[in-house]
Protein backbone atom coordinates (compact mmCIF):
# COMPACT_ATOMS: atom_id res chain seq x y z
CA UNK A 1 0.00 0.05 0.00
CA UNK A 2 1.43 3.40 -0.98
CA UNK A 3 1.66 6.11 1.64
CA UNK A 4 1.43 8.92 -0.88
CA UNK A 5 -1.72 11.02 -1.20
CA UNK A 6 -1.40 12.78 -4.59
CA UNK A 7 -5.12 14.21 -4.38
CA UNK A 8 -4.70 15.54 -0.82
CA UNK A 9 -3.48 19.17 -1.02
CA UNK A 10 -2.49 19.10 2.66
CA UNK A 11 -0.42 15.92 2.29
CA UNK A 12 3.17 16.53 3.46
CA UNK A 13 2.39 19.89 4.99
CA UNK A 14 2.84 20.57 8.77
CA UNK A 15 0.33 22.58 10.66
CA UNK A 16 3.17 25.16 11.30
CA UNK A 17 3.67 25.42 7.57
CA UNK A 18 -0.10 26.03 6.90
CA UNK A 19 -0.33 28.71 9.60
CA UNK A 20 2.83 30.48 8.61
CA UNK A 21 1.81 30.68 4.94
CA UNK A 22 -1.75 31.82 5.85
CA UNK A 23 -0.37 34.52 8.25
CA UNK A 24 2.19 35.68 5.56
CA UNK A 25 -0.48 35.77 2.99
CA UNK A 26 -3.25 37.53 4.72
CA UNK A 27 -1.63 38.98 7.87
CA UNK A 28 -2.83 38.32 11.48
CA UNK A 29 -5.62 40.81 11.33
CA UNK A 30 -7.37 39.52 8.26
CA UNK A 31 -6.68 35.93 9.26
CA UNK A 32 -8.45 36.62 12.56
CA UNK A 33 -11.34 38.06 10.60
CA UNK A 34 -11.55 34.95 8.43
CA UNK A 35 -11.16 32.43 11.10
CA UNK A 36 -12.61 33.93 14.23
CA UNK A 37 -10.34 32.47 16.95
CA UNK A 38 -8.58 34.51 19.65
CA UNK A 39 -5.12 33.04 18.90
CA UNK A 40 -5.35 35.01 15.60
CA UNK A 41 -6.83 38.12 17.09
CA UNK A 42 -5.17 38.82 20.50
CA UNK A 43 -1.33 38.87 20.66
CA UNK A 44 -1.05 36.50 17.74
CA UNK A 45 1.97 34.17 17.13
CA UNK A 46 2.85 30.98 15.47
CA UNK A 47 3.51 29.30 18.71
CA UNK A 48 0.18 30.17 20.32
CA UNK A 49 -1.72 29.36 17.24
CA UNK A 50 -0.22 25.95 17.04
CA UNK A 51 -0.84 25.21 20.67
CA UNK A 52 -4.55 26.04 20.31
CA UNK A 53 -5.03 24.38 16.88
CA UNK A 54 -3.50 21.17 18.03
CA UNK A 55 -5.98 20.90 20.83
CA UNK A 56 -8.99 22.25 19.02
CA UNK A 57 -10.19 20.14 15.99
CA UNK A 58 -12.98 22.35 14.77
CA UNK A 59 -10.57 25.29 14.60
CA UNK A 60 -7.83 23.32 12.85
CA UNK A 61 -10.52 22.04 10.19
CA UNK A 62 -11.42 25.71 9.54
CA UNK A 63 -7.86 26.63 9.12
CA UNK A 64 -7.14 23.82 6.80
CA UNK A 65 -10.18 24.58 4.75
CA UNK A 66 -9.07 28.20 4.36
CA UNK A 67 -5.60 26.98 3.24
CA UNK A 68 -7.19 24.74 0.58
CA UNK A 69 -9.59 27.51 -0.63
CA UNK A 70 -6.88 30.12 -0.70
CA UNK A 71 -4.01 28.25 -2.29
CA UNK A 72 -5.57 25.37 -4.27
CA UNK A 73 -8.78 26.78 -5.57
CA UNK A 74 -7.00 29.57 -7.24
CA UNK A 75 -4.76 26.91 -8.98
CA UNK A 76 -7.96 25.14 -10.46
CA UNK A 77 -7.74 22.26 -7.99
CA UNK A 78 -10.98 20.36 -7.27
CA UNK A 79 -10.19 20.65 -3.52
CA UNK A 80 -11.47 24.24 -3.37
CA UNK A 81 -15.03 24.48 -2.18
């Protein structure tokens, strides 16, 4: 069985890479408006965001969905929704 997932746009990405790229693309203020969680709104940092997102599945799901919409929908990927 192969461990590759060619159709999964998040395959091989760490949560840190996802948050870092989103924060760089949108900035913390806009990121906090798009995904309304305090770790993006009050004294944001990669470290605090990772700590929260690793414990809170619904928030992680929203962040991953935003990543896919932002970086894969624009590229014509069927993963954008």
